[in-house]
Amino acid sequence: MSEDYAHGQRDGLRLALAILAAEEAKWAALLGESASWRTNATREVRHKALQVAQTRIQTALNRLTPRDSAAANVELSAALDKLGL
């Protein structure tokens, strides 16, 4: 696997993680807000599914991250700069 391809994969996983974090925050705010127990139960299941997905993507990202900590720090800081954080 080329380094550019691996870098693109890691960027994609970081983007997916950010999207899931935003969705999880949205559903966390809605937990228990409905008068219907069925709606609340559905929201809790959806919220938990998003948390599980985040954990799985974080695990995949950790497996793809270079073992060299200096290279990983440079790549992570470049990705954060690109996002404007």
PDB file of N, CA and C in Angstrom:
ATOM      1  N   MET A   1       0.853  -1.171   0.000  1.00  0.00           N
ATOM      2  CA  MET A   1       0.000   0.000   0.000  1.00  0.00           C
ATOM      3  C   MET A   1       0.901   1.236   0.000  1.00  0.00           C
ATOM      4  N   SER A   2       0.621   2.164  -0.911  1.00  0.00           N
ATOM      5  CA  SER A   2       1.437   3.369  -0.979  1.00  0.00           C
ATOM      6  C   SER A   2       1.129   4.284   0.198  1.00  0.00           C
ATOM      7  N   GLU A   3       2.077   5.141   0.489  1.00  0.00           N
ATOM      8  CA  GLU A   3       1.919   6.061   1.624  1.00  0.00           C
ATOM      9  C   GLU A   3       0.801   7.066   1.373  1.00  0.00           C
ATOM     10  N   ASP A   4       0.656   7.510   0.119  1.00  0.00           N
ATOM     11  CA  ASP A   4      -0.430   8.451  -0.205  1.00  0.00           C
ATOM     12  C   ASP A   4      -1.801   7.812   0.008  1.00  0.00           C
ATOM     13  N   TYR A   5      -1.923   6.542  -0.382  1.00  0.00           N
ATOM     14  CA  TYR A   5      -3.190   5.832  -0.197  1.00  0.00           C
ATOM     15  C   TYR A   5      -3.500   5.678   1.288  1.00  0.00           C
ATOM     16  N   ALA A   6      -2.511   5.284   2.066  1.00  0.00           N
ATOM     17  CA  ALA A   6      -2.692   5.115   3.513  1.00  0.00           C
ATOM     18  C   ALA A   6      -3.050   6.443   4.167  1.00  0.00           C
ATOM     19  N   HIS A   7      -2.398   7.514   3.722  1.00  0.00           N
ATOM     20  CA  HIS A   7      -2.689   8.846   4.265  1.00  0.00           C
ATOM     21  C   HIS A   7      -4.137   9.232   3.951  1.00  0.00           C
ATOM     22  N   GLY A   8      -4.576   8.948   2.729  1.00  0.00           N
ATOM     23  CA  GLY A   8      -5.962   9.229   2.345  1.00  0.00           C
ATOM     24  C   GLY A   8      -6.956   8.414   3.156  1.00  0.00           C
ATOM     25  N   GLN A   9      -6.600   7.169   3.428  1.00  0.00           N
ATOM     26  CA  GLN A   9      -7.465   6.323   4.259  1.00  0.00           C
ATOM     27  C   GLN A   9      -7.606   6.911   5.658  1.00  0.00           C
ATOM     28  N   ARG A  10      -6.503   7.333   6.237  1.00  0.00           N
ATOM     29  CA  ARG A  10      -6.544   7.918   7.582  1.00  0.00           C
ATOM     30  C   ARG A  10      -7.353   9.211   7.593  1.00  0.00           C
ATOM     31  N   ASP A  11      -7.205  10.030   6.550  1.00  0.00           N
ATOM     32  CA  ASP A  11      -7.994  11.262   6.464  1.00  0.00           C
ATOM     33  C   ASP A  11      -9.481  10.948   6.379  1.00  0.00           C
ATOM     34  N   GLY A  12      -9.824   9.929   5.607  1.00  0.00           N
ATOM     35  CA  GLY A  12     -11.221   9.519   5.493  1.00  0.00           C
ATOM     36  C   GLY A  12     -11.778   9.039   6.818  1.00  0.00           C
ATOM     37  N   LEU A  13     -10.980   8.290   7.561  1.00  0.00           N
ATOM     38  CA  LEU A  13     -11.430   7.813   8.872  1.00  0.00           C
ATOM     39  C   LEU A  13     -11.585   8.971   9.851  1.00  0.00           C
ATOM     40  N   ARG A  14     -10.692   9.950   9.772  1.00  0.00           N
ATOM     41  CA  ARG A  14     -10.819  11.123  10.650  1.00  0.00           C
ATOM     42  C   ARG A  14     -12.092  11.909  10.328  1.00  0.00           C
ATOM     43  N   LEU A  15     -12.404  12.028   9.043  1.00  0.00           N
ATOM     44  CA  LEU A  15     -13.616  12.722   8.632  1.00  0.00           C
ATOM     45  C   LEU A  15     -14.853  11.967   9.121  1.00  0.00           C
ATOM     46  N   ALA A  16     -14.850  10.654   8.957  1.00  0.00           N
ATOM     47  CA  ALA A  16     -15.973   9.839   9.430  1.00  0.00           C
ATOM     48  C   ALA A  16     -16.133   9.975  10.939  1.00  0.00           C
ATOM     49  N   LEU A  17     -15.035  10.013  11.657  1.00  0.00           N
ATOM     50  CA  LEU A  17     -15.077  10.166  13.110  1.00  0.00           C
ATOM     51  C   LEU A  17     -15.676  11.514  13.498  1.00  0.00           C
ATOM     52  N   ALA A  18     -15.320  12.570  12.777  1.00  0.00           N
ATOM     53  CA  ALA A  18     -15.867  13.898  13.064  1.00  0.00           C
ATOM     54  C   ALA A  18     -17.369  13.945  12.785  1.00  0.00           C
ATOM     55  N   ILE A  19     -17.793  13.312  11.698  1.00  0.00           N
ATOM     56  CA  ILE A  19     -19.216  13.288  11.360  1.00  0.00           C
ATOM     57  C   ILE A  19     -19.992  12.520  12.424  1.00  0.00           C
ATOM     58  N   LEU A  20     -19.465  11.379  12.839  1.00  0.00           N
ATOM     59  CA  LEU A  20     -20.139  10.590  13.872  1.00  0.00           C
ATOM     60  C   LEU A  20     -20.202  11.338  15.198  1.00  0.00           C
ATOM     61  N   ALA A  21     -19.158  12.083  15.527  1.00  0.00           N
ATOM     62  CA  ALA A  21     -19.164  12.854  16.770  1.00  0.00           C
ATOM     63  C   ALA A  21     -20.259  13.919  16.739  1.00  0.00           C
ATOM     64  N   ALA A  22     -20.436  14.565  15.580  1.00  0.00           N
ATOM     65  CA  ALA A  22     -21.482  15.584  15.456  1.00  0.00           C
ATOM     66  C   ALA A  22     -22.866  14.951  15.573  1.00  0.00           C
ATOM     67  N   GLU A  23     -23.067  13.815  14.917  1.00  0.00           N
ATOM     68  CA  GLU A  23     -24.354  13.119  15.006  1.00  0.00           C
ATOM     69  C   GLU A  23     -24.631  12.640  16.428  1.00  0.00           C
ATOM     70  N   GLU A  24     -23.599  12.121  17.073  1.00  0.00           N
ATOM     71  CA  GLU A  24     -23.767  11.617  18.442  1.00  0.00           C
ATOM     72  C   GLU A  24     -24.145  12.755  19.385  1.00  0.00           C
ATOM     73  N   ALA A  25     -23.546  13.921  19.200  1.00  0.00           N
ATOM     74  CA  ALA A  25     -23.882  15.079  20.033  1.00  0.00           C
ATOM     75  C   ALA A  25     -25.325  15.515  19.796  1.00  0.00           C
ATOM     76  N   LYS A  26     -25.758  15.445  18.542  1.00  0.00           N
ATOM     77  CA  LYS A  26     -27.142  15.820  18.222  1.00  0.00           C
ATOM     78  C   LYS A  26     -28.130  14.890  18.926  1.00  0.00           C
ATOM     79  N   TRP A  27     -27.871  13.596  18.870  1.00  0.00           N
ATOM     80  CA  TRP A  27     -28.792  12.640  19.483  1.00  0.00           C
ATOM     81  C   TRP A  27     -28.680  12.651  21.002  1.00  0.00           C
ATOM     82  N   ALA A  28     -27.517  12.972  21.539  1.00  0.00           N
ATOM     83  CA  ALA A  28     -27.360  13.046  22.995  1.00  0.00           C
ATOM     84  C   ALA A  28     -28.249  14.145  23.565  1.00  0.00           C
ATOM     85  N   ALA A  29     -28.384  15.239  22.816  1.00  0.00           N
ATOM     86  CA  ALA A  29     -29.229  16.353  23.275  1.00  0.00           C
ATOM     87  C   ALA A  29     -30.710  15.981  23.266  1.00  0.00           C
ATOM     88  N   LEU A  30     -31.098  15.017  22.449  1.00  0.00           N
ATOM     89  CA  LEU A  30     -32.508  14.646  22.330  1.00  0.00           C
ATOM     90  C   LEU A  30     -32.920  13.496  23.254  1.00  0.00           C
ATOM     91  N   LEU A  31     -31.962  12.896  23.944  1.00  0.00           N
ATOM     92  CA  LEU A  31     -32.285  11.750  24.794  1.00  0.00           C
ATOM     93  C   LEU A  31     -33.254  12.144  25.905  1.00  0.00           C
ATOM     94  N   GLY A  32     -34.335  11.398  26.016  1.00  0.00           N
ATOM     95  CA  GLY A  32     -35.305  11.608  27.083  1.00  0.00           C
ATOM     96  C   GLY A  32     -36.203  12.817  26.904  1.00  0.00           C
ATOM     97  N   GLU A  33     -36.144  13.498  25.777  1.00  0.00           N
ATOM     98  CA  GLU A  33     -36.926  14.717  25.554  1.00  0.00           C
ATOM     99  C   GLU A  33     -38.363  14.442  25.129  1.00  0.00           C
ATOM    100  N   SER A  34     -38.611  13.292  24.537  1.00  0.00           N
ATOM    101  CA  SER A  34     -39.940  12.998  24.013  1.00  0.00           C
ATOM    102  C   SER A  34     -40.854  12.459  25.112  1.00  0.00           C
ATOM    103  N   ALA A  35     -42.146  12.684  24.953  1.00  0.00           N
ATOM    104  CA  ALA A  35     -43.122  12.132  25.888  1.00  0.00           C
ATOM    105  C   ALA A  35     -43.373  10.648  25.606  1.00  0.00           C
ATOM    106  N   SER A  36     -42.984  10.200  24.424  1.00  0.00           N
ATOM    107  CA  SER A  36     -43.197   8.812  24.029  1.00  0.00           C
ATOM    108  C   SER A  36     -42.012   7.941  24.442  1.00  0.00           C
ATOM    109  N   TRP A  37     -42.294   6.862  25.147  1.00  0.00           N
ATOM    110  CA  TRP A  37     -41.224   5.964  25.569  1.00  0.00           C
ATOM    111  C   TRP A  37     -40.590   5.282  24.358  1.00  0.00           C
ATOM    112  N   ARG A  38     -41.382   5.026  23.326  1.00  0.00           N
ATOM    113  CA  ARG A  38     -40.857   4.354  22.136  1.00  0.00           C
ATOM    114  C   ARG A  38     -39.855   5.259  21.410  1.00  0.00           C
ATOM    115  N   THR A  39     -40.165   6.520  21.299  1.00  0.00           N
ATOM    116  CA  THR A  39     -39.253   7.472  20.665  1.00  0.00           C
ATOM    117  C   THR A  39     -37.973   7.593  21.479  1.00  0.00           C
ATOM    118  N   ASN A  40     -38.100   7.674  22.796  1.00  0.00           N
ATOM    119  CA  ASN A  40     -36.922   7.754  23.657  1.00  0.00           C
ATOM    120  C   ASN A  40     -36.053   6.505  23.529  1.00  0.00           C
ATOM    121  N   ALA A  41     -36.687   5.339  23.462  1.00  0.00           N
ATOM    122  CA  ALA A  41     -35.941   4.092  23.322  1.00  0.00           C
ATOM    123  C   ALA A  41     -35.207   4.048  21.985  1.00  0.00           C
ATOM    124  N   THR A  42     -35.862   4.505  20.935  1.00  0.00           N
ATOM    125  CA  THR A  42     -35.235   4.542  19.612  1.00  0.00           C
ATOM    126  C   THR A  42     -34.044   5.488  19.608  1.00  0.00           C
ATOM    127  N   ARG A  43     -34.198   6.633  20.248  1.00  0.00           N
ATOM    128  CA  ARG A  43     -33.092   7.597  20.330  1.00  0.00           C
ATOM    129  C   ARG A  43     -31.921   7.027  21.126  1.00  0.00           C
ATOM    130  N   GLU A  44     -32.194   6.318  22.193  1.00  0.00           N
ATOM    131  CA  GLU A  44     -31.118   5.714  22.979  1.00  0.00           C
ATOM    132  C   GLU A  44     -30.360   4.670  22.163  1.00  0.00           C
ATOM    133  N   VAL A  45     -31.093   3.866  21.400  1.00  0.00           N
ATOM    134  CA  VAL A  45     -30.449   2.849  20.564  1.00  0.00           C
ATOM    135  C   VAL A  45     -29.595   3.521  19.485  1.00  0.00           C
ATOM    136  N   ARG A  46     -30.135   4.541  18.865  1.00  0.00           N
ATOM    137  CA  ARG A  46     -29.381   5.256  17.824  1.00  0.00           C
ATOM    138  C   ARG A  46     -28.132   5.902  18.420  1.00  0.00           C
ATOM    139  N   HIS A  47     -28.255   6.494  19.587  1.00  0.00           N
ATOM    140  CA  HIS A  47     -27.128   7.130  20.257  1.00  0.00           C
ATOM    141  C   HIS A  47     -26.043   6.098  20.576  1.00  0.00           C
ATOM    142  N   LYS A  48     -26.440   4.940  21.088  1.00  0.00           N
ATOM    143  CA  LYS A  48     -25.477   3.891  21.412  1.00  0.00           C
ATOM    144  C   LYS A  48     -24.804   3.353  20.154  1.00  0.00           C
ATOM    145  N   ALA A  49     -25.576   3.220  19.072  1.00  0.00           N
ATOM    146  CA  ALA A  49     -25.001   2.744  17.808  1.00  0.00           C
ATOM    147  C   ALA A  49     -23.942   3.716  17.288  1.00  0.00           C
ATOM    148  N   LEU A  50     -24.193   5.002  17.436  1.00  0.00           N
ATOM    149  CA  LEU A  50     -23.203   5.995  17.019  1.00  0.00           C
ATOM    150  C   LEU A  50     -21.946   5.915  17.875  1.00  0.00           C
ATOM    151  N   GLN A  51     -22.100   5.686  19.175  1.00  0.00           N
ATOM    152  CA  GLN A  51     -20.938   5.533  20.052  1.00  0.00           C
ATOM    153  C   GLN A  51     -20.116   4.307  19.671  1.00  0.00           C
ATOM    154  N   VAL A  52     -20.784   3.204  19.367  1.00  0.00           N
ATOM    155  CA  VAL A  52     -20.082   1.985  18.956  1.00  0.00           C
ATOM    156  C   VAL A  52     -19.344   2.228  17.641  1.00  0.00           C
ATOM    157  N   ALA A  53     -19.994   2.899  16.704  1.00  0.00           N
ATOM    158  CA  ALA A  53     -19.358   3.190  15.415  1.00  0.00           C
ATOM    159  C   ALA A  53     -18.123   4.063  15.606  1.00  0.00           C
ATOM    160  N   GLN A  54     -18.203   5.048  16.494  1.00  0.00           N
ATOM    161  CA  GLN A  54     -17.048   5.890  16.773  1.00  0.00           C
ATOM    162  C   GLN A  54     -15.888   5.066  17.322  1.00  0.00           C
ATOM    163  N   THR A  55     -16.185   4.166  18.228  1.00  0.00           N
ATOM    164  CA  THR A  55     -15.143   3.326  18.815  1.00  0.00           C
ATOM    165  C   THR A  55     -14.492   2.452  17.754  1.00  0.00           C
ATOM    166  N   ARG A  56     -15.292   1.884  16.876  1.00  0.00           N
ATOM    167  CA  ARG A  56     -14.747   1.022  15.816  1.00  0.00           C
ATOM    168  C   ARG A  56     -13.888   1.805  14.837  1.00  0.00           C
ATOM    169  N   ILE A  57     -14.322   2.994  14.473  1.00  0.00           N
ATOM    170  CA  ILE A  57     -13.530   3.807  13.550  1.00  0.00           C
ATOM    171  C   ILE A  57     -12.245   4.262  14.214  1.00  0.00           C
ATOM    172  N   GLN A  58     -12.308   4.610  15.499  1.00  0.00           N
ATOM    173  CA  GLN A  58     -11.098   5.019  16.218  1.00  0.00           C
ATOM    174  C   GLN A  58     -10.109   3.856  16.277  1.00  0.00           C
ATOM    175  N   THR A  59     -10.606   2.641  16.476  1.00  0.00           N
ATOM    176  CA  THR A  59      -9.738   1.464  16.492  1.00  0.00           C
ATOM    177  C   THR A  59      -9.082   1.263  15.128  1.00  0.00           C
ATOM    178  N   ALA A  60      -9.857   1.389  14.055  1.00  0.00           N
ATOM    179  CA  ALA A  60      -9.304   1.243  12.708  1.00  0.00           C
ATOM    180  C   ALA A  60      -8.269   2.328  12.433  1.00  0.00           C
ATOM    181  N   LEU A  61      -8.545   3.541  12.868  1.00  0.00           N
ATOM    182  CA  LEU A  61      -7.599   4.637  12.680  1.00  0.00           C
ATOM    183  C   LEU A  61      -6.307   4.383  13.446  1.00  0.00           C
ATOM    184  N   ASN A  62      -6.420   3.880  14.665  1.00  0.00           N
ATOM    185  CA  ASN A  62      -5.222   3.577  15.458  1.00  0.00           C
ATOM    186  C   ASN A  62      -4.372   2.495  14.796  1.00  0.00           C
ATOM    187  N   ARG A  63      -5.021   1.541  14.138  1.00  0.00           N
ATOM    188  CA  ARG A  63      -4.274   0.477  13.455  1.00  0.00           C
ATOM    189  C   ARG A  63      -3.556   0.993  12.222  1.00  0.00           C
ATOM    190  N   LEU A  64      -4.099   2.023  11.586  1.00  0.00           N
ATOM    191  CA  LEU A  64      -3.497   2.565  10.372  1.00  0.00           C
ATOM    192  C   LEU A  64      -2.484   3.676  10.641  1.00  0.00           C
ATOM    193  N   THR A  65      -2.475   4.208  11.845  1.00  0.00           N
ATOM    194  CA  THR A  65      -1.573   5.303  12.180  1.00  0.00           C
ATOM    195  C   THR A  65      -0.140   4.796  12.207  1.00  0.00           C
ATOM    196  N   PRO A  66       0.786   5.545  11.618  1.00  0.00           N
ATOM    197  CA  PRO A  66       2.192   5.112  11.615  1.00  0.00           C
ATOM    198  C   PRO A  66       2.720   4.927  13.034  1.00  0.00           C
ATOM    199  N   ARG A  67       3.566   3.948  13.199  1.00  0.00           N
ATOM    200  CA  ARG A  67       4.138   3.661  14.518  1.00  0.00           C
ATOM    201  C   ARG A  67       5.143   4.720  14.947  1.00  0.00           C
ATOM    202  N   ASP A  68       5.743   5.378  13.969  1.00  0.00           N
ATOM    203  CA  ASP A  68       6.701   6.444  14.257  1.00  0.00           C
ATOM    204  C   ASP A  68       5.930   7.651  14.785  1.00  0.00           C
ATOM    205  N   SER A  69       6.112   7.972  16.056  1.00  0.00           N
ATOM    206  CA  SER A  69       5.315   9.035  16.677  1.00  0.00           C
ATOM    207  C   SER A  69       5.595  10.406  16.063  1.00  0.00           C
ATOM    208  N   ALA A  70       6.805  10.653  15.606  1.00  0.00           N
ATOM    209  CA  ALA A  70       7.118  11.944  14.997  1.00  0.00           C
ATOM    210  C   ALA A  70       6.337  12.118  13.702  1.00  0.00           C
ATOM    211  N   ALA A  71       6.284  11.068  12.880  1.00  0.00           N
ATOM    212  CA  ALA A  71       5.535  11.141  11.624  1.00  0.00           C
ATOM    213  C   ALA A  71       4.044  11.281  11.898  1.00  0.00           C
ATOM    214  N   ALA A  72       3.560  10.591  12.914  1.00  0.00           N
ATOM    215  CA  ALA A  72       2.143  10.671  13.265  1.00  0.00           C
ATOM    216  C   ALA A  72       1.784  12.068  13.751  1.00  0.00           C
ATOM    217  N   ASN A  73       2.647  12.682  14.552  1.00  0.00           N
ATOM    218  CA  ASN A  73       2.379  14.028  15.060  1.00  0.00           C
ATOM    219  C   ASN A  73       2.374  15.054  13.934  1.00  0.00           C
ATOM    220  N   VAL A  74       3.283  14.917  12.990  1.00  0.00           N
ATOM    221  CA  VAL A  74       3.333  15.836  11.854  1.00  0.00           C
ATOM    222  C   VAL A  74       2.070  15.693  11.020  1.00  0.00           C
ATOM    223  N   GLU A  75       1.666  14.441  10.768  1.00  0.00           N
ATOM    224  CA  GLU A  75       0.466  14.201   9.965  1.00  0.00           C
ATOM    225  C   GLU A  75      -0.783  14.716  10.670  1.00  0.00           C
ATOM    226  N   LEU A  76      -0.890  14.473  11.966  1.00  0.00           N
ATOM    227  CA  LEU A  76      -2.046  14.927  12.722  1.00  0.00           C
ATOM    228  C   LEU A  76      -2.108  16.456  12.768  1.00  0.00           C
ATOM    229  N   SER A  77      -0.979  17.108  12.968  1.00  0.00           N
ATOM    230  CA  SER A  77      -0.987  18.569  13.016  1.00  0.00           C
ATOM    231  C   SER A  77      -1.331  19.152  11.651  1.00  0.00           C
ATOM    232  N   ALA A  78      -0.888  18.497  10.563  1.00  0.00           N
ATOM    233  CA  ALA A  78      -1.234  18.966   9.221  1.00  0.00           C
ATOM    234  C   ALA A  78      -2.736  18.815   8.981  1.00  0.00           C
ATOM    235  N   ALA A  79      -3.325  17.718   9.439  1.00  0.00           N
ATOM    236  CA  ALA A  79      -4.760  17.512   9.278  1.00  0.00           C
ATOM    237  C   ALA A  79      -5.556  18.539  10.089  1.00  0.00           C
ATOM    238  N   LEU A  80      -5.100  18.848  11.298  1.00  0.00           N
ATOM    239  CA  LEU A  80      -5.767  19.851  12.126  1.00  0.00           C
ATOM    240  C   LEU A  80      -5.662  21.242  11.509  1.00  0.00           C
ATOM    241  N   ASP A  81      -4.485  21.558  10.936  1.00  0.00           N
ATOM    242  CA  ASP A  81      -4.320  22.853  10.265  1.00  0.00           C
ATOM    243  C   ASP A  81      -5.249  22.960   9.060  1.00  0.00           C
ATOM    244  N   LYS A  82      -5.394  21.863   8.340  1.00  0.00           N
ATOM    245  CA  LYS A  82      -6.269  21.863   7.167  1.00  0.00           C
ATOM    246  C   LYS A  82      -7.713  22.128   7.564  1.00  0.00           C
ATOM    247  N   LEU A  83      -8.121  21.607   8.746  1.00  0.00           N
ATOM    248  CA  LEU A  83      -9.467  21.827   9.236  1.00  0.00           C
ATOM    249  C   LEU A  83      -9.655  23.188   9.889  1.00  0.00           C
ATOM    250  N   GLY A  84      -8.544  23.855  10.171  1.00  0.00           N
ATOM    251  CA  GLY A  84      -8.598  25.176  10.778  1.00  0.00           C
ATOM    252  C   GLY A  84      -8.726  25.125  12.294  1.00  0.00           C
ATOM    253  N   LEU A  85      -8.269  24.039  12.898  1.00  0.00           N
ATOM    254  CA  LEU A  85      -8.352  23.914  14.360  1.00  0.00           C
ATOM    255  C   LEU A  85      -7.034  24.206  15.015  1.00  0.00           C
TER     256      LEU A  85
END
